[in-house]
Amino acid sequence: MSLELENQHLRNKVDQLEKQLSEADGKITELTEKLEAAQKLIAELQDQKKPPPPFVKANIKKEPDQPKKERKKRPPSQNGVRRLGPGRM
């Protein structure tokens, strides 16, 4: 009789596990469909090219209208204060 009880207990356990498996399979298919829809939406959004926001400036290098002026050199009278070498060793 103990074998019959054990057999019945195991059958109940199998039925319970089959129900859990079918619920898990249903959730998996539902989540897979949601994932595919989300991936399609992401792909569509990435394919769209939006114009940059108005506060962003384009990276354009402007060509100068006039050539740059040469820098002024100091007169030799102002260069006399500079040291020629290190002060102390």
PDB file of N, CA and C in Angstrom:
ATOM      1  N   MET A   1       0.810  -1.181   0.000  1.00  0.00           N
ATOM      2  CA  MET A   1       0.000   0.000   0.000  1.00  0.00           C
ATOM      3  C   MET A   1       0.864   1.259   0.000  1.00  0.00           C
ATOM      4  N   SER A   2       1.996   1.177   0.569  1.00  0.00           N
ATOM      5  CA  SER A   2       2.869   2.343   0.586  1.00  0.00           C
ATOM      6  C   SER A   2       3.354   2.673  -0.828  1.00  0.00           C
ATOM      7  N   LEU A   3       3.509   1.653  -1.671  1.00  0.00           N
ATOM      8  CA  LEU A   3       3.921   1.914  -3.048  1.00  0.00           C
ATOM      9  C   LEU A   3       2.822   2.659  -3.799  1.00  0.00           C
ATOM     10  N   GLU A   4       1.565   2.295  -3.534  1.00  0.00           N
ATOM     11  CA  GLU A   4       0.454   2.979  -4.197  1.00  0.00           C
ATOM     12  C   GLU A   4       0.371   4.439  -3.747  1.00  0.00           C
ATOM     13  N   LEU A   5       0.572   4.679  -2.470  1.00  0.00           N
ATOM     14  CA  LEU A   5       0.554   6.056  -1.962  1.00  0.00           C
ATOM     15  C   LEU A   5       1.718   6.873  -2.535  1.00  0.00           C
ATOM     16  N   GLU A   6       2.862   6.242  -2.588  1.00  0.00           N
ATOM     17  CA  GLU A   6       4.034   6.932  -3.140  1.00  0.00           C
ATOM     18  C   GLU A   6       3.817   7.229  -4.615  1.00  0.00           C
ATOM     19  N   ASN A   7       3.230   6.252  -5.338  1.00  0.00           N
ATOM     20  CA  ASN A   7       2.945   6.428  -6.755  1.00  0.00           C
ATOM     21  C   ASN A   7       1.957   7.579  -6.950  1.00  0.00           C
ATOM     22  N   GLN A   8       0.900   7.624  -6.153  1.00  0.00           N
ATOM     23  CA  GLN A   8      -0.099   8.695  -6.245  1.00  0.00           C
ATOM     24  C   GLN A   8       0.536  10.054  -5.923  1.00  0.00           C
ATOM     25  N   HIS A   9       1.363  10.068  -4.911  1.00  0.00           N
ATOM     26  CA  HIS A   9       2.060  11.306  -4.528  1.00  0.00           C
ATOM     27  C   HIS A   9       2.951  11.796  -5.668  1.00  0.00           C
ATOM     28  N   LEU A  10       3.674  10.867  -6.290  1.00  0.00           N
ATOM     29  CA  LEU A  10       4.562  11.239  -7.393  1.00  0.00           C
ATOM     30  C   LEU A  10       3.763  11.721  -8.602  1.00  0.00           C
ATOM     31  N   ARG A  11       2.611  11.092  -8.870  1.00  0.00           N
ATOM     32  CA  ARG A  11       1.765  11.533  -9.990  1.00  0.00           C
ATOM     33  C   ARG A  11       1.243  12.959  -9.738  1.00  0.00           C
ATOM     34  N   ASN A  12       0.837  13.215  -8.495  1.00  0.00           N
ATOM     35  CA  ASN A  12       0.380  14.566  -8.160  1.00  0.00           C
ATOM     36  C   ASN A  12       1.508  15.587  -8.345  1.00  0.00           C
ATOM     37  N   LYS A  13       2.693  15.187  -7.937  1.00  0.00           N
ATOM     38  CA  LYS A  13       3.865  16.060  -8.071  1.00  0.00           C
ATOM     39  C   LYS A  13       4.148  16.334  -9.551  1.00  0.00           C
ATOM     40  N   VAL A  14       4.039  15.280 -10.387  1.00  0.00           N
ATOM     41  CA  VAL A  14       4.275  15.428 -11.825  1.00  0.00           C
ATOM     42  C   VAL A  14       3.233  16.370 -12.423  1.00  0.00           C
ATOM     43  N   ASP A  15       1.966  16.214 -12.043  1.00  0.00           N
ATOM     44  CA  ASP A  15       0.911  17.093 -12.551  1.00  0.00           C
ATOM     45  C   ASP A  15       1.181  18.551 -12.161  1.00  0.00           C
ATOM     46  N   GLN A  16       1.593  18.737 -10.928  1.00  0.00           N
ATOM     47  CA  GLN A  16       1.893  20.084 -10.444  1.00  0.00           C
ATOM     48  C   GLN A  16       3.060  20.687 -11.232  1.00  0.00           C
ATOM     49  N   LEU A  17       4.096  19.895 -11.470  1.00  0.00           N
ATOM     50  CA  LEU A  17       5.256  20.388 -12.214  1.00  0.00           C
ATOM     51  C   LEU A  17       4.899  20.669 -13.671  1.00  0.00           C
ATOM     52  N   GLU A  18       4.010  19.856 -14.257  1.00  0.00           N
ATOM     53  CA  GLU A  18       3.584  20.095 -15.639  1.00  0.00           C
ATOM     54  C   GLU A  18       2.811  21.408 -15.741  1.00  0.00           C
ATOM     55  N   LYS A  19       1.986  21.713 -14.743  1.00  0.00           N
ATOM     56  CA  LYS A  19       1.261  22.979 -14.731  1.00  0.00           C
ATOM     57  C   LYS A  19       2.242  24.150 -14.637  1.00  0.00           C
ATOM     58  N   GLN A  20       3.229  24.022 -13.769  1.00  0.00           N
ATOM     59  CA  GLN A  20       4.229  25.084 -13.628  1.00  0.00           C
ATOM     60  C   GLN A  20       5.003  25.268 -14.925  1.00  0.00           C
ATOM     61  N   LEU A  21       5.306  24.142 -15.586  1.00  0.00           N
ATOM     62  CA  LEU A  21       6.049  24.207 -16.843  1.00  0.00           C
ATOM     63  C   LEU A  21       5.223  24.900 -17.920  1.00  0.00           C
ATOM     64  N   SER A  22       3.943  24.567 -17.998  1.00  0.00           N
ATOM     65  CA  SER A  22       3.099  25.202 -19.015  1.00  0.00           C
ATOM     66  C   SER A  22       2.952  26.701 -18.736  1.00  0.00           C
ATOM     67  N   GLU A  23       2.839  27.092 -17.464  1.00  0.00           N
ATOM     68  CA  GLU A  23       2.777  28.516 -17.116  1.00  0.00           C
ATOM     69  C   GLU A  23       4.080  29.218 -17.487  1.00  0.00           C
ATOM     70  N   ALA A  24       5.197  28.568 -17.219  1.00  0.00           N
ATOM     71  CA  ALA A  24       6.499  29.157 -17.544  1.00  0.00           C
ATOM     72  C   ALA A  24       6.656  29.294 -19.057  1.00  0.00           C
ATOM     73  N   ASP A  25       6.209  28.284 -19.815  1.00  0.00           N
ATOM     74  CA  ASP A  25       6.285  28.364 -21.274  1.00  0.00           C
ATOM     75  C   ASP A  25       5.434  29.520 -21.794  1.00  0.00           C
ATOM     76  N   GLY A  26       4.250  29.699 -21.211  1.00  0.00           N
ATOM     77  CA  GLY A  26       3.389  30.813 -21.611  1.00  0.00           C
ATOM     78  C   GLY A  26       4.055  32.151 -21.340  1.00  0.00           C
ATOM     79  N   LYS A  27       4.673  32.284 -20.182  1.00  0.00           N
ATOM     80  CA  LYS A  27       5.368  33.529 -19.845  1.00  0.00           C
ATOM     81  C   LYS A  27       6.554  33.759 -20.778  1.00  0.00           C
ATOM     82  N   ILE A  28       7.247  32.670 -21.111  1.00  0.00           N
ATOM     83  CA  ILE A  28       8.410  32.797 -22.000  1.00  0.00           C
ATOM     84  C   ILE A  28       7.974  33.293 -23.371  1.00  0.00           C
ATOM     85  N   THR A  29       6.896  32.717 -23.919  1.00  0.00           N
ATOM     86  CA  THR A  29       6.433  33.161 -25.241  1.00  0.00           C
ATOM     87  C   THR A  29       5.955  34.613 -25.186  1.00  0.00           C
ATOM     88  N   GLU A  30       5.262  34.982 -24.116  1.00  0.00           N
ATOM     89  CA  GLU A  30       4.784  36.357 -23.970  1.00  0.00           C
ATOM     90  C   GLU A  30       5.956  37.333 -23.900  1.00  0.00           C
ATOM     91  N   LEU A  31       6.955  36.990 -23.098  1.00  0.00           N
ATOM     92  CA  LEU A  31       8.112  37.874 -22.960  1.00  0.00           C
ATOM     93  C   LEU A  31       8.940  37.922 -24.243  1.00  0.00           C
ATOM     94  N   THR A  32       8.994  36.808 -24.964  1.00  0.00           N
ATOM     95  CA  THR A  32       9.723  36.787 -26.232  1.00  0.00           C
ATOM     96  C   THR A  32       9.057  37.719 -27.236  1.00  0.00           C
ATOM     97  N   GLU A  33       7.719  37.699 -27.287  1.00  0.00           N
ATOM     98  CA  GLU A  33       6.999  38.597 -28.190  1.00  0.00           C
ATOM     99  C   GLU A  33       7.236  40.054 -27.808  1.00  0.00           C
ATOM    100  N   LYS A  34       7.214  40.349 -26.520  1.00  0.00           N
ATOM    101  CA  LYS A  34       7.470  41.717 -26.068  1.00  0.00           C
ATOM    102  C   LYS A  34       8.891  42.149 -26.413  1.00  0.00           C
ATOM    103  N   LEU A  35       9.838  41.223 -26.263  1.00  0.00           N
ATOM    104  CA  LEU A  35      11.235  41.537 -26.579  1.00  0.00           C
ATOM    105  C   LEU A  35      11.394  41.836 -28.062  1.00  0.00           C
ATOM    106  N   GLU A  36      10.765  41.030 -28.917  1.00  0.00           N
ATOM    107  CA  GLU A  36      10.857  41.264 -30.358  1.00  0.00           C
ATOM    108  C   GLU A  36      10.248  42.614 -30.724  1.00  0.00           C
ATOM    109  N   ALA A  37       9.103  42.945 -30.112  1.00  0.00           N
ATOM    110  CA  ALA A  37       8.473  44.238 -30.387  1.00  0.00           C
ATOM    111  C   ALA A  37       9.376  45.386 -29.936  1.00  0.00           C
ATOM    112  N   ALA A  38       9.995  45.234 -28.780  1.00  0.00           N
ATOM    113  CA  ALA A  38      10.889  46.280 -28.273  1.00  0.00           C
ATOM    114  C   ALA A  38      12.119  46.424 -29.167  1.00  0.00           C
ATOM    115  N   GLN A  39      12.656  45.310 -29.653  1.00  0.00           N
ATOM    116  CA  GLN A  39      13.826  45.378 -30.530  1.00  0.00           C
ATOM    117  C   GLN A  39      13.472  46.043 -31.856  1.00  0.00           C
ATOM    118  N   LYS A  40      12.265  45.776 -32.382  1.00  0.00           N
ATOM    119  CA  LYS A  40      11.832  46.433 -33.616  1.00  0.00           C
ATOM    120  C   LYS A  40      11.709  47.934 -33.393  1.00  0.00           C
ATOM    121  N   LEU A  41      11.140  48.317 -32.262  1.00  0.00           N
ATOM    122  CA  LEU A  41      10.981  49.734 -31.952  1.00  0.00           C
ATOM    123  C   LEU A  41      12.340  50.415 -31.812  1.00  0.00           C
ATOM    124  N   ILE A  42      13.265  49.752 -31.159  1.00  0.00           N
ATOM    125  CA  ILE A  42      14.618  50.306 -30.996  1.00  0.00           C
ATOM    126  C   ILE A  42      15.284  50.473 -32.355  1.00  0.00           C
ATOM    127  N   ALA A  43      15.134  49.470 -33.228  1.00  0.00           N
ATOM    128  CA  ALA A  43      15.735  49.555 -34.561  1.00  0.00           C
ATOM    129  C   ALA A  43      15.128  50.712 -35.352  1.00  0.00           C
ATOM    130  N   GLU A  44      13.813  50.901 -35.256  1.00  0.00           N
ATOM    131  CA  GLU A  44      13.170  52.007 -35.959  1.00  0.00           C
ATOM    132  C   GLU A  44      13.661  53.349 -35.431  1.00  0.00           C
ATOM    133  N   LEU A  45      13.793  53.464 -34.131  1.00  0.00           N
ATOM    134  CA  LEU A  45      14.249  54.723 -33.551  1.00  0.00           C
ATOM    135  C   LEU A  45      15.698  55.018 -33.913  1.00  0.00           C
ATOM    136  N   GLN A  46      16.510  53.984 -34.012  1.00  0.00           N
ATOM    137  CA  GLN A  46      17.910  54.198 -34.377  1.00  0.00           C
ATOM    138  C   GLN A  46      18.043  54.561 -35.849  1.00  0.00           C
ATOM    139  N   ASP A  47      17.122  54.081 -36.688  1.00  0.00           N
ATOM    140  CA  ASP A  47      17.181  54.395 -38.110  1.00  0.00           C
ATOM    141  C   ASP A  47      16.756  55.833 -38.396  1.00  0.00           C
ATOM    142  N   GLN A  48      15.930  56.392 -37.539  1.00  0.00           N
ATOM    143  CA  GLN A  48      15.482  57.763 -37.749  1.00  0.00           C
ATOM    144  C   GLN A  48      16.629  58.724 -37.476  1.00  0.00           C
ATOM    145  N   LYS A  49      16.786  59.663 -38.396  1.00  0.00           N
ATOM    146  CA  LYS A  49      17.811  60.684 -38.182  1.00  0.00           C
ATOM    147  C   LYS A  49      17.098  61.961 -37.777  1.00  0.00           C
ATOM    148  N   LYS A  50      17.401  62.424 -36.603  1.00  0.00           N
ATOM    149  CA  LYS A  50      16.794  63.648 -36.104  1.00  0.00           C
ATOM    150  C   LYS A  50      17.766  64.799 -36.317  1.00  0.00           C
ATOM    151  N   PRO A  51      17.232  65.984 -36.588  1.00  0.00           N
ATOM    152  CA  PRO A  51      18.141  67.132 -36.674  1.00  0.00           C
ATOM    153  C   PRO A  51      18.679  67.455 -35.287  1.00  0.00           C
ATOM    154  N   PRO A  52      19.874  68.000 -35.222  1.00  0.00           N
ATOM    155  CA  PRO A  52      20.435  68.316 -33.906  1.00  0.00           C
ATOM    156  C   PRO A  52      19.613  69.411 -33.225  1.00  0.00           C
ATOM    157  N   PRO A  53      19.655  69.478 -31.922  1.00  0.00           N
ATOM    158  CA  PRO A  53      18.926  70.528 -31.210  1.00  0.00           C
ATOM    159  C   PRO A  53      19.436  71.907 -31.618  1.00  0.00           C
ATOM    160  N   PRO A  54      18.618  72.932 -31.449  1.00  0.00           N
ATOM    161  CA  PRO A  54      19.020  74.263 -31.930  1.00  0.00           C
ATOM    162  C   PRO A  54      20.224  74.864 -31.211  1.00  0.00           C
ATOM    163  N   PHE A  55      20.536  74.400 -30.014  1.00  0.00           N
ATOM    164  CA  PHE A  55      21.669  74.983 -29.296  1.00  0.00           C
ATOM    165  C   PHE A  55      23.002  74.357 -29.698  1.00  0.00           C
ATOM    166  N   VAL A  56      22.988  73.358 -30.559  1.00  0.00           N
ATOM    167  CA  VAL A  56      24.220  72.699 -30.993  1.00  0.00           C
ATOM    168  C   VAL A  56      24.693  73.352 -32.286  1.00  0.00           C
ATOM    169  N   LYS A  57      25.942  73.749 -32.307  1.00  0.00           N
ATOM    170  CA  LYS A  57      26.505  74.360 -33.503  1.00  0.00           C
ATOM    171  C   LYS A  57      27.221  73.306 -34.336  1.00  0.00           C
ATOM    172  N   ALA A  58      27.217  73.506 -35.632  1.00  0.00           N
ATOM    173  CA  ALA A  58      27.887  72.574 -36.529  1.00  0.00           C
ATOM    174  C   ALA A  58      29.399  72.738 -36.402  1.00  0.00           C
ATOM    175  N   ASN A  59      30.112  71.650 -36.615  1.00  0.00           N
ATOM    176  CA  ASN A  59      31.575  71.675 -36.556  1.00  0.00           C
ATOM    177  C   ASN A  59      32.122  72.092 -37.923  1.00  0.00           C
ATOM    178  N   ILE A  60      32.093  73.364 -38.173  1.00  0.00           N
ATOM    179  CA  ILE A  60      32.570  73.881 -39.451  1.00  0.00           C
ATOM    180  C   ILE A  60      33.742  74.806 -39.176  1.00  0.00           C
ATOM    181  N   LYS A  61      34.834  74.567 -39.894  1.00  0.00           N
ATOM    182  CA  LYS A  61      36.007  75.413 -39.738  1.00  0.00           C
ATOM    183  C   LYS A  61      35.870  76.589 -40.697  1.00  0.00           C
ATOM    184  N   LYS A  62      35.896  77.783 -40.152  1.00  0.00           N
ATOM    185  CA  LYS A  62      35.763  78.969 -40.977  1.00  0.00           C
ATOM    186  C   LYS A  62      37.121  79.341 -41.555  1.00  0.00           C
ATOM    187  N   GLU A  63      37.098  79.708 -42.819  1.00  0.00           N
ATOM    188  CA  GLU A  63      38.327  80.178 -43.441  1.00  0.00           C
ATOM    189  C   GLU A  63      38.429  81.679 -43.181  1.00  0.00           C
ATOM    190  N   PRO A  64      39.582  82.137 -42.760  1.00  0.00           N
ATOM    191  CA  PRO A  64      39.711  83.568 -42.468  1.00  0.00           C
ATOM    192  C   PRO A  64      39.591  84.398 -43.747  1.00  0.00           C
ATOM    193  N   ASP A  65      38.900  85.536 -43.623  1.00  0.00           N
ATOM    194  CA  ASP A  65      38.746  86.425 -44.773  1.00  0.00           C
ATOM    195  C   ASP A  65      40.067  87.115 -45.099  1.00  0.00           C
ATOM    196  N   GLN A  66      40.792  87.486 -44.046  1.00  0.00           N
ATOM    197  CA  GLN A  66      42.066  88.164 -44.230  1.00  0.00           C
ATOM    198  C   GLN A  66      43.160  87.317 -43.599  1.00  0.00           C
ATOM    199  N   PRO A  67      44.361  87.400 -44.135  1.00  0.00           N
ATOM    200  CA  PRO A  67      45.454  86.638 -43.504  1.00  0.00           C
ATOM    201  C   PRO A  67      45.771  87.211 -42.123  1.00  0.00           C
ATOM    202  N   LYS A  68      46.275  86.358 -41.261  1.00  0.00           N
ATOM    203  CA  LYS A  68      46.600  86.793 -39.901  1.00  0.00           C
ATOM    204  C   LYS A  68      47.772  87.769 -39.923  1.00  0.00           C
ATOM    205  N   LYS A  69      47.721  88.713 -39.000  1.00  0.00           N
ATOM    206  CA  LYS A  69      48.812  89.676 -38.876  1.00  0.00           C
ATOM    207  C   LYS A  69      49.952  89.022 -38.112  1.00  0.00           C
ATOM    208  N   GLU A  70      51.154  89.455 -38.424  1.00  0.00           N
ATOM    209  CA  GLU A  70      52.310  88.946 -37.695  1.00  0.00           C
ATOM    210  C   GLU A  70      52.334  89.562 -36.312  1.00  0.00           C
ATOM    211  N   ARG A  71      52.823  88.792 -35.364  1.00  0.00           N
ATOM    212  CA  ARG A  71      52.903  89.285 -33.992  1.00  0.00           C
ATOM    213  C   ARG A  71      54.010  90.331 -33.884  1.00  0.00           C
ATOM    214  N   LYS A  72      53.773  91.302 -33.033  1.00  0.00           N
ATOM    215  CA  LYS A  72      54.787  92.334 -32.815  1.00  0.00           C
ATOM    216  C   LYS A  72      55.855  91.799 -31.888  1.00  0.00           C
ATOM    217  N   LYS A  73      57.090  92.090 -32.226  1.00  0.00           N
ATOM    218  CA  LYS A  73      58.193  91.705 -31.355  1.00  0.00           C
ATOM    219  C   LYS A  73      58.497  92.866 -30.429  1.00  0.00           C
ATOM    220  N   ARG A  74      58.975  92.524 -29.243  1.00  0.00           N
ATOM    221  CA  ARG A  74      59.349  93.575 -28.298  1.00  0.00           C
ATOM    222  C   ARG A  74      60.606  94.281 -28.784  1.00  0.00           C
ATOM    223  N   PRO A  75      60.701  95.526 -28.438  1.00  0.00           N
ATOM    224  CA  PRO A  75      61.955  96.214 -28.776  1.00  0.00           C
ATOM    225  C   PRO A  75      63.087  95.688 -27.892  1.00  0.00           C
ATOM    226  N   PRO A  76      64.309  95.717 -28.377  1.00  0.00           N
ATOM    227  CA  PRO A  76      65.433  95.167 -27.602  1.00  0.00           C
ATOM    228  C   PRO A  76      65.627  95.844 -26.247  1.00  0.00           C
ATOM    229  N   SER A  77      65.163  97.054 -26.092  1.00  0.00           N
ATOM    230  CA  SER A  77      65.341  97.727 -24.798  1.00  0.00           C
ATOM    231  C   SER A  77      64.494  97.058 -23.712  1.00  0.00           C
ATOM    232  N   GLN A  78      63.421  96.420 -24.062  1.00  0.00           N
ATOM    233  CA  GLN A  78      62.577  95.749 -23.078  1.00  0.00           C
ATOM    234  C   GLN A  78      63.035  94.321 -22.788  1.00  0.00           C
ATOM    235  N   ASN A  79      63.902  93.770 -23.603  1.00  0.00           N
ATOM    236  CA  ASN A  79      64.359  92.400 -23.412  1.00  0.00           C
ATOM    237  C   ASN A  79      65.572  92.294 -22.505  1.00  0.00           C
ATOM    238  N   GLY A  80      66.143  93.382 -22.054  1.00  0.00           N
ATOM    239  CA  GLY A  80      67.380  93.348 -21.284  1.00  0.00           C
ATOM    240  C   GLY A  80      67.228  92.791 -19.886  1.00  0.00           C
ATOM    241  N   VAL A  81      66.055  92.727 -19.331  1.00  0.00           N
ATOM    242  CA  VAL A  81      65.861  92.309 -17.952  1.00  0.00           C
ATOM    243  C   VAL A  81      65.868  90.782 -17.828  1.00  0.00           C
ATOM    244  N   ARG A  82      65.696  90.099 -18.861  1.00  0.00           N
ATOM    245  CA  ARG A  82      65.616  88.638 -18.796  1.00  0.00           C
ATOM    246  C   ARG A  82      66.968  88.034 -18.469  1.00  0.00           C
ATOM    247  N   ARG A  83      66.944  86.933 -17.719  1.00  0.00           N
ATOM    248  CA  ARG A  83      68.186  86.241 -17.360  1.00  0.00           C
ATOM    249  C   ARG A  83      68.695  85.432 -18.540  1.00  0.00           C
ATOM    250  N   LEU A  84      69.985  85.274 -18.572  1.00  0.00           N
ATOM    251  CA  LEU A  84      70.568  84.468 -19.629  1.00  0.00           C
ATOM    252  C   LEU A  84      70.692  83.007 -19.220  1.00  0.00           C
ATOM    253  N   GLY A  85      70.936  82.762 -17.946  1.00  0.00           N
ATOM    254  CA  GLY A  85      71.106  81.397 -17.468  1.00  0.00           C
ATOM    255  C   GLY A  85      70.508  81.258 -16.091  1.00  0.00           C
ATOM    256  N   PRO A  86      70.721  80.118 -15.440  1.00  0.00           N
ATOM    257  CA  PRO A  86      70.192  79.955 -14.090  1.00  0.00           C
ATOM    258  C   PRO A  86      70.904  80.899 -13.125  1.00  0.00           C
ATOM    259  N   GLY A  87      70.180  81.358 -12.113  1.00  0.00           N
ATOM    260  CA  GLY A  87      70.725  82.320 -11.157  1.00  0.00           C
ATOM    261  C   GLY A  87      71.754  81.704 -10.235  1.00  0.00           C
ATOM    262  N   ARG A  88      71.473  80.546  -9.668  1.00  0.00           N
ATOM    263  CA  ARG A  88      72.406  79.884  -8.757  1.00  0.00           C
ATOM    264  C   ARG A  88      72.467  78.413  -9.091  1.00  0.00           C
ATOM    265  N   MET A  89      73.591  77.851  -8.708  1.00  0.00           N
ATOM    266  CA  MET A  89      73.734  76.428  -8.943  1.00  0.00           C
ATOM    267  C   MET A  89      73.904  75.702  -7.656  1.00  0.00           C
TER     268      MET A  89
END
